[in-house]
N, C-alpha and C. Protein backbone atom coordinates (compact mmCIF):
# COMPACT_ATOMS: atom_id res chain seq x y z
N MET A 1 -32.39 35.98 -27.77
CA MET A 1 -32.51 34.63 -26.57
C MET A 1 -33.94 34.55 -27.00
N ASP A 2 -34.15 32.72 -27.40
CA ASP A 2 -35.59 32.66 -27.31
C ASP A 2 -36.25 31.84 -26.72
N LYS A 3 -37.70 31.26 -26.75
CA LYS A 3 -38.17 30.63 -25.63
C LYS A 3 -37.67 28.90 -25.16
N GLU A 4 -37.12 28.46 -26.54
CA GLU A 4 -36.06 26.98 -26.14
C GLU A 4 -35.07 27.74 -25.61
N GLU A 5 -34.35 28.17 -25.94
CA GLU A 5 -32.93 28.65 -24.88
C GLU A 5 -33.39 28.45 -23.88
N ILE A 6 -34.24 29.80 -23.08
CA ILE A 6 -34.45 30.24 -21.96
C ILE A 6 -34.70 28.99 -21.52
N ARG A 7 -35.56 28.20 -21.75
CA ARG A 7 -36.31 26.50 -21.21
C ARG A 7 -35.02 25.84 -21.22
N LYS A 8 -34.24 25.94 -21.92
CA LYS A 8 -33.00 25.16 -21.40
C LYS A 8 -32.02 25.87 -20.09
N ILE A 9 -32.13 27.01 -20.25
CA ILE A 9 -31.31 27.82 -19.54
C ILE A 9 -31.92 27.45 -17.96
N PHE A 10 -33.07 28.31 -18.23
CA PHE A 10 -33.88 28.03 -16.69
C PHE A 10 -34.10 26.60 -16.13
N SER A 11 -33.98 25.55 -16.94
CA SER A 11 -34.03 24.04 -16.22
C SER A 11 -32.80 24.05 -15.81
N LEU A 12 -31.91 24.16 -15.90
CA LEU A 12 -30.72 23.96 -15.02
C LEU A 12 -31.05 24.77 -13.38
N LEU A 13 -31.90 25.38 -13.56
CA LEU A 13 -32.09 25.62 -11.88
C LEU A 13 -33.59 24.86 -11.67
N LEU A 14 -34.02 25.25 -12.01
CA LEU A 14 -35.34 24.68 -11.98
C LEU A 14 -35.37 23.00 -11.93
N VAL A 15 -35.06 22.08 -13.02
CA VAL A 15 -35.09 20.57 -12.79
C VAL A 15 -33.63 19.81 -12.46
N ASP A 16 -32.42 20.78 -13.51
CA ASP A 16 -30.96 20.12 -12.79
C ASP A 16 -30.80 20.32 -11.21
N HIS A 17 -31.66 21.70 -10.87
CA HIS A 17 -30.99 22.25 -9.82
C HIS A 17 -29.68 21.97 -9.94
N ASN A 18 -28.99 22.74 -10.86
CA ASN A 18 -27.30 22.95 -11.08
C ASN A 18 -27.27 24.57 -10.76
N PRO A 19 -27.33 25.31 -10.20
CA PRO A 19 -27.12 26.57 -9.82
C PRO A 19 -25.53 27.24 -10.26
N GLU A 20 -24.70 26.53 -10.70
CA GLU A 20 -23.34 26.97 -10.77
C GLU A 20 -23.53 27.44 -12.51
N GLU A 21 -24.02 25.99 -13.03
CA GLU A 21 -24.13 26.42 -14.41
C GLU A 21 -25.37 27.56 -14.43
N PHE A 22 -26.32 27.60 -14.17
CA PHE A 22 -27.43 28.58 -14.69
C PHE A 22 -26.74 29.90 -14.20
N PHE A 23 -26.15 29.91 -13.62
CA PHE A 23 -25.40 31.53 -12.85
C PHE A 23 -24.53 32.27 -14.31
N LYS A 24 -23.85 31.15 -14.93
CA LYS A 24 -23.11 31.46 -16.33
C LYS A 24 -24.07 32.55 -17.47
N TYR A 25 -26.00 32.71 -17.15
CA TYR A 25 -26.07 33.24 -17.61
C TYR A 25 -27.22 34.29 -17.49
N CYS A 26 -26.39 34.85 -16.30
CA CYS A 26 -26.98 35.46 -15.81
C CYS A 26 -25.74 36.74 -15.06
N THR A 27 -26.29 38.02 -15.08
CA THR A 27 -25.09 39.34 -14.48
C THR A 27 -24.80 38.64 -13.41
N ASP A 28 -23.71 39.65 -12.52
CA ASP A 28 -23.14 38.86 -11.43
C ASP A 28 -23.98 39.75 -10.57
N ASP A 29 -24.91 40.64 -10.75
CA ASP A 29 -25.85 41.36 -9.56
C ASP A 29 -27.06 40.40 -9.54
N VAL A 30 -27.40 39.27 -10.05
CA VAL A 30 -28.74 38.99 -9.95
C VAL A 30 -29.77 38.87 -9.27
N LYS A 31 -30.34 39.31 -9.09
CA LYS A 31 -31.80 38.97 -7.89
C LYS A 31 -32.63 37.94 -8.62
N PHE A 32 -32.66 37.26 -6.99
CA PHE A 32 -34.24 36.77 -7.07
C PHE A 32 -34.80 37.09 -5.95
N ILE A 33 -36.40 37.41 -7.15
CA ILE A 33 -37.80 38.20 -5.29
C ILE A 33 -38.90 37.02 -5.53
N LEU A 34 -39.03 37.12 -4.02
CA LEU A 34 -39.82 35.66 -4.01
C LEU A 34 -40.92 36.60 -3.20
N HIS A 35 -41.92 36.73 -3.89
CA HIS A 35 -43.52 37.47 -3.74
C HIS A 35 -43.88 37.18 -1.76
N PRO A 36 -44.81 38.08 -1.38
CA PRO A 36 -44.48 38.12 0.06
C PRO A 36 -45.47 36.60 0.03
N LYS A 37 -46.65 36.11 -0.66
CA LYS A 37 -46.92 34.60 -0.20
C LYS A 37 -46.26 33.65 -0.05
N HIS A 38 -44.81 33.71 -0.99
CA HIS A 38 -44.20 32.34 -1.11
C HIS A 38 -43.54 32.43 0.41
N VAL A 39 -43.41 30.70 0.79
CA VAL A 39 -42.87 30.41 2.10
C VAL A 39 -41.57 31.22 2.47
N ALA A 40 -40.77 31.57 1.39
CA ALA A 40 -39.64 31.72 2.25
C ALA A 40 -39.62 33.17 1.45
N ALA A 41 -40.62 34.44 1.08
CA ALA A 41 -40.67 35.66 0.68
C ALA A 41 -38.98 36.06 1.21
N GLY A 42 -38.49 37.20 0.00
CA GLY A 42 -37.43 37.99 0.11
C GLY A 42 -37.01 37.82 -0.94
N ILE A 43 -35.88 38.80 -1.06
CA ILE A 43 -34.52 39.13 -1.96
C ILE A 43 -33.56 38.19 -1.72
N TYR A 44 -33.14 37.48 -2.71
CA TYR A 44 -31.64 37.08 -2.34
C TYR A 44 -30.94 36.73 -3.84
N ASP A 45 -29.86 36.95 -3.58
CA ASP A 45 -28.97 37.40 -4.90
C ASP A 45 -27.61 36.05 -4.62
N LYS A 46 -26.87 35.84 -5.35
CA LYS A 46 -25.88 34.44 -6.24
C LYS A 46 -25.20 34.21 -4.67
N LYS A 47 -25.25 34.65 -3.32
CA LYS A 47 -24.40 34.14 -2.49
C LYS A 47 -25.68 33.63 -1.72
N SER A 48 -26.75 34.29 -1.07
CA SER A 48 -27.71 33.60 -0.25
C SER A 48 -28.71 32.82 -1.02
N ILE A 49 -28.64 32.81 -2.06
CA ILE A 49 -29.90 31.91 -2.60
C ILE A 49 -29.69 30.59 -2.11
N PHE A 50 -28.20 30.04 -1.72
CA PHE A 50 -27.79 28.74 -1.58
C PHE A 50 -28.32 28.73 -0.44
N ASN A 51 -28.81 29.52 0.46
CA ASN A 51 -29.12 29.40 1.69
C ASN A 51 -30.61 28.87 1.70
N LEU A 52 -31.30 29.45 0.59
CA LEU A 52 -32.90 29.26 0.10
C LEU A 52 -32.78 27.76 -0.74
N PHE A 53 -31.93 27.08 -1.06
CA PHE A 53 -32.14 26.25 -1.84
C PHE A 53 -31.89 24.82 -0.65
N GLU A 54 -31.34 25.01 0.56
CA GLU A 54 -30.95 24.29 1.62
C GLU A 54 -32.19 23.76 2.27
N HIS A 55 -33.01 25.10 2.48
CA HIS A 55 -34.16 25.42 3.30
C HIS A 55 -35.06 24.63 2.67
N LEU A 56 -35.77 25.04 1.42
CA LEU A 56 -36.34 24.24 0.30
C LEU A 56 -36.34 22.58 0.21
N ALA A 57 -35.13 22.52 0.24
CA ALA A 57 -34.93 21.06 0.08
C ALA A 57 -35.31 20.09 1.35
N LYS A 58 -35.26 21.44 2.44
CA LYS A 58 -35.62 20.09 3.44
C LYS A 58 -37.00 20.12 3.91
N SER A 59 -37.80 21.55 3.61
CA SER A 59 -38.97 21.47 3.72
C SER A 59 -40.34 20.99 2.69
N PHE A 60 -39.50 20.34 1.52
CA PHE A 60 -39.76 20.23 0.19
C PHE A 60 -39.41 18.91 -0.42
N PRO A 61 -39.37 17.91 0.26
CA PRO A 61 -38.08 17.02 -0.58
C PRO A 61 -38.61 16.45 -1.71
N HIS A 62 -37.64 15.95 -2.15
CA HIS A 62 -37.65 15.75 -3.65
C HIS A 62 -38.57 16.86 -4.25
N TRP A 63 -38.11 17.55 -4.40
CA TRP A 63 -39.14 18.99 -4.80
C TRP A 63 -38.52 18.70 -6.90
N SER A 64 -39.43 19.00 -7.23
CA SER A 64 -39.22 18.85 -9.15
C SER A 64 -40.32 19.67 -9.48
N GLU A 65 -39.95 20.74 -10.48
CA GLU A 65 -40.50 21.14 -11.65
C GLU A 65 -40.66 21.11 -13.06
N THR A 66 -41.50 21.35 -13.84
CA THR A 66 -41.83 20.82 -14.91
C THR A 66 -41.94 22.47 -15.63
N ILE A 67 -41.49 22.95 -16.23
CA ILE A 67 -41.42 24.19 -17.36
C ILE A 67 -43.14 24.15 -17.89
N GLU A 68 -44.35 24.45 -17.98
CA GLU A 68 -45.37 24.33 -18.77
C GLU A 68 -45.58 25.13 -20.57
N LYS A 69 -45.55 26.63 -20.04
CA LYS A 69 -45.87 27.72 -20.84
C LYS A 69 -44.82 28.02 -20.61
N ILE A 70 -44.15 29.34 -21.98
CA ILE A 70 -43.00 30.03 -21.58
C ILE A 70 -43.94 31.55 -22.49
N TYR A 71 -43.96 32.79 -21.96
CA TYR A 71 -44.62 33.75 -22.76
C TYR A 71 -42.71 34.44 -22.76
N HIS A 72 -42.98 35.20 -23.96
CA HIS A 72 -41.64 36.05 -24.07
C HIS A 72 -42.32 37.61 -24.44
N ASP A 73 -41.76 38.63 -23.99
CA ASP A 73 -42.06 40.09 -24.30
C ASP A 73 -40.93 40.68 -25.10
N LYS A 74 -40.43 40.53 -26.43
CA LYS A 74 -39.09 40.76 -26.96
C LYS A 74 -38.76 42.24 -26.38
N GLU A 75 -39.62 43.08 -25.94
CA GLU A 75 -39.65 44.72 -26.02
C GLU A 75 -39.34 44.97 -24.73
N GLU A 76 -39.85 43.97 -24.18
CA GLU A 76 -39.55 44.36 -22.20
C GLU A 76 -38.60 43.61 -22.41
N ARG A 77 -37.97 43.02 -22.80
CA ARG A 77 -37.16 41.83 -22.57
C ARG A 77 -37.05 41.05 -21.61
N ILE A 78 -38.40 39.80 -21.01
CA ILE A 78 -38.50 39.31 -20.25
C ILE A 78 -39.31 38.41 -20.91
N PHE A 79 -39.08 36.88 -19.89
CA PHE A 79 -39.75 35.76 -20.33
C PHE A 79 -40.53 35.50 -19.03
N ILE A 80 -41.74 34.83 -18.90
CA ILE A 80 -42.23 34.43 -17.95
C ILE A 80 -42.73 32.83 -18.25
N THR A 81 -42.95 32.64 -17.43
CA THR A 81 -42.86 31.01 -17.35
C THR A 81 -44.13 30.27 -16.64
N VAL A 82 -44.71 29.71 -16.33
CA VAL A 82 -45.40 29.05 -15.88
C VAL A 82 -44.86 27.55 -15.69
N SER A 83 -44.56 27.19 -14.31
CA SER A 83 -44.28 25.58 -13.96
C SER A 83 -45.13 25.45 -13.12
N ARG A 84 -44.76 24.04 -12.98
CA ARG A 84 -45.95 22.78 -11.85
C ARG A 84 -44.89 22.31 -11.42
N GLY A 85 -44.86 22.45 -10.14
CA GLY A 85 -44.14 21.79 -8.75
C GLY A 85 -44.87 20.89 -8.06
N LYS A 86 -44.11 19.88 -7.61
CA LYS A 86 -44.46 18.37 -6.77
C LYS A 86 -43.39 18.12 -5.98
N SER A 87 -43.67 18.10 -4.38
CA SER A 87 -42.24 16.96 -4.08
C SER A 87 -43.25 16.02 -2.94
N SER A 88 -42.66 15.55 -2.30
CA SER A 88 -43.34 14.22 -1.28
C SER A 88 -44.64 14.71 -0.52
N THR A 89 -44.93 16.29 -0.38
CA THR A 89 -45.63 16.96 0.49
C THR A 89 -46.86 17.37 -0.25
N ILE A 90 -46.18 17.68 -1.59
CA ILE A 90 -47.47 18.73 -2.45
C ILE A 90 -46.89 18.41 -3.38
N GLN A 91 -48.28 18.09 -4.49
CA GLN A 91 -48.50 18.23 -5.30
C GLN A 91 -49.68 18.91 -6.37
N ASP A 92 -48.79 19.43 -7.70
CA ASP A 92 -49.36 20.37 -8.63
C ASP A 92 -49.55 21.56 -7.95
N LEU A 93 -48.20 22.17 -7.71
CA LEU A 93 -48.37 23.74 -7.35
C LEU A 93 -47.69 24.74 -8.27
N TRP A 94 -48.60 26.01 -8.80
CA TRP A 94 -48.32 26.44 -9.78
C TRP A 94 -47.40 27.58 -9.69
N ASP A 95 -46.03 27.50 -10.64
CA ASP A 95 -45.46 28.82 -10.04
C ASP A 95 -45.42 29.52 -11.77
N VAL A 96 -45.24 30.98 -11.28
CA VAL A 96 -45.09 31.92 -12.48
C VAL A 96 -43.94 32.38 -12.31
N HIS A 97 -42.59 32.47 -12.86
CA HIS A 97 -41.69 33.21 -13.01
C HIS A 97 -41.76 34.63 -14.34
N PHE A 98 -41.02 35.55 -13.63
CA PHE A 98 -40.76 36.35 -14.42
C PHE A 98 -39.29 37.07 -14.75
N LEU A 99 -38.86 36.32 -15.64
CA LEU A 99 -36.83 36.64 -15.69
C LEU A 99 -36.49 37.75 -17.05
N TYR A 100 -36.09 38.64 -16.45
CA TYR A 100 -35.55 39.57 -17.30
C TYR A 100 -34.43 39.56 -17.31
N TYR A 101 -33.82 40.34 -18.84
CA TYR A 101 -32.79 40.07 -19.00
C TYR A 101 -32.13 41.60 -20.04
N ASN A 102 -30.84 41.64 -19.94
CA ASN A 102 -30.08 42.77 -20.20
C ASN A 102 -29.97 42.63 -22.28
N GLU A 103 -29.60 43.73 -22.59
CA GLU A 103 -28.82 43.85 -23.78
C GLU A 103 -27.61 42.30 -24.44
N LYS A 104 -27.19 42.02 -23.14
CA LYS A 104 -26.33 41.04 -23.42
C LYS A 104 -26.92 39.48 -23.08
N ASN A 105 -28.57 39.53 -23.15
CA ASN A 105 -28.80 38.13 -22.94
C ASN A 105 -28.20 37.40 -21.37
N LYS A 106 -27.84 38.12 -20.87
CA LYS A 106 -28.14 38.06 -19.51
C LYS A 106 -29.25 38.31 -18.38
N ILE A 107 -29.71 37.07 -17.01
CA ILE A 107 -30.71 37.43 -16.91
C ILE A 107 -30.39 38.02 -14.93
N TYR A 108 -30.97 39.14 -15.04
CA TYR A 108 -30.25 40.07 -14.15
C TYR A 108 -31.54 40.25 -12.73
N ARG A 109 -33.00 39.92 -12.60
CA ARG A 109 -33.64 39.61 -11.95
C ARG A 109 -34.95 38.34 -12.31
N ILE A 110 -35.37 37.70 -11.21
CA ILE A 110 -36.25 37.03 -11.44
C ILE A 110 -37.26 36.78 -10.25
N GLU A 111 -38.50 37.24 -10.71
CA GLU A 111 -39.49 36.86 -9.74
C GLU A 111 -40.27 35.92 -9.85
N GLU A 112 -40.80 35.28 -8.59
CA GLU A 112 -41.47 34.41 -8.35
C GLU A 112 -42.65 34.63 -7.56
N ARG A 113 -43.87 34.43 -8.13
CA ARG A 113 -45.07 33.90 -7.48
C ARG A 113 -45.44 32.63 -7.24
N ILE A 114 -46.09 31.68 -6.53
CA ILE A 114 -46.57 31.01 -6.41
C ILE A 114 -48.55 30.50 -6.12
N ASP A 115 -48.96 29.84 -6.43
CA ASP A 115 -50.38 29.56 -6.23
C ASP A 115 -50.48 29.22 -5.00
N THR A 116 -51.16 30.04 -4.30
CA THR A 116 -51.33 30.36 -3.01
C THR A 116 -52.84 29.67 -2.24
N LEU A 117 -53.81 29.69 -3.57
CA LEU A 117 -54.87 29.25 -3.11
C LEU A 117 -54.56 27.48 -3.03
N HIS A 118 -53.79 27.25 -4.01
CA HIS A 118 -53.91 25.86 -4.06
C HIS A 118 -53.16 25.00 -2.36
N LEU A 119 -51.99 26.38 -2.05
CA LEU A 119 -51.63 25.72 -0.93
C LEU A 119 -53.08 25.62 0.79
N ALA A 120 -53.33 26.82 0.67
CA ALA A 120 -55.09 27.14 1.16
C ALA A 120 -55.53 26.18 1.36
N GLU A 121 -56.13 24.79 -0.31
CA GLU A 121 -57.10 24.46 -0.55
C GLU A 121 -56.55 23.08 0.43
N GLY A 122 -55.39 23.10 0.48
CA GLY A 122 -54.79 21.88 0.77
C GLY A 122 -54.81 21.55 2.21
N ASN A 123 -54.61 23.11 3.17
CA ASN A 123 -54.34 23.07 4.47
C ASN A 123 -55.77 23.28 4.89
N ILE A 124 -57.28 23.75 4.24
CA ILE A 124 -58.14 23.70 4.57
C ILE A 124 -59.49 23.62 3.92
N GLY A 125 -59.20 23.04 2.98
CA GLY A 125 -59.88 22.25 1.99
C GLY A 125 -60.33 23.67 0.54
N PRO A 126 -61.23 23.16 0.23
CA PRO A 126 -61.23 24.15 -1.20
C PRO A 126 -62.35 25.41 -1.31
N ARG A 127 -61.77 26.26 -1.40
CA ARG A 127 -62.54 27.84 -1.63
C ARG A 127 -63.88 27.47 -2.23
N ILE A 128 -64.87 28.15 -2.15
CA ILE A 128 -66.31 28.20 -2.80
C ILE A 128 -66.58 29.30 -3.36
C-alpha cells in the first residue's frame, strides 16, 4: 500500500462518505478510536460507526474533509493523514488520523485527533 492508494481508500470515507465501500479495505474487526477531546470520543466498530456518522451529520451539517498531507511509516505499517474539515458551522478544523494496517494491507485501526484549540478559539477567542 502506498500514499496514493491510501488517499483513494480513505477518501471513500472522508470525502465520499461511503463507509460500505471503505470497509472493503478493512478487517472485520476494525476499530475507530476518537480521542477524548473529540465531540464524540469513544471506540467504534463497523456497526456502531453508523450511529456516529448520523450524530455528526446532524451536529455538523454539510461536513467535508480534504486530505492535505499523508505520511507513511512502512516499518510500523501506519499512515498518518492530516486533513482539513469544514461544515456550515465550522471552518478549517484540522484532523490527524492514524491508520494502522496489517500484512494483508487491511486497515484494522483508525485513531483520530482533532484541533481542539481551533474550537476553543471559535468559542472564546484566540489564546495569547
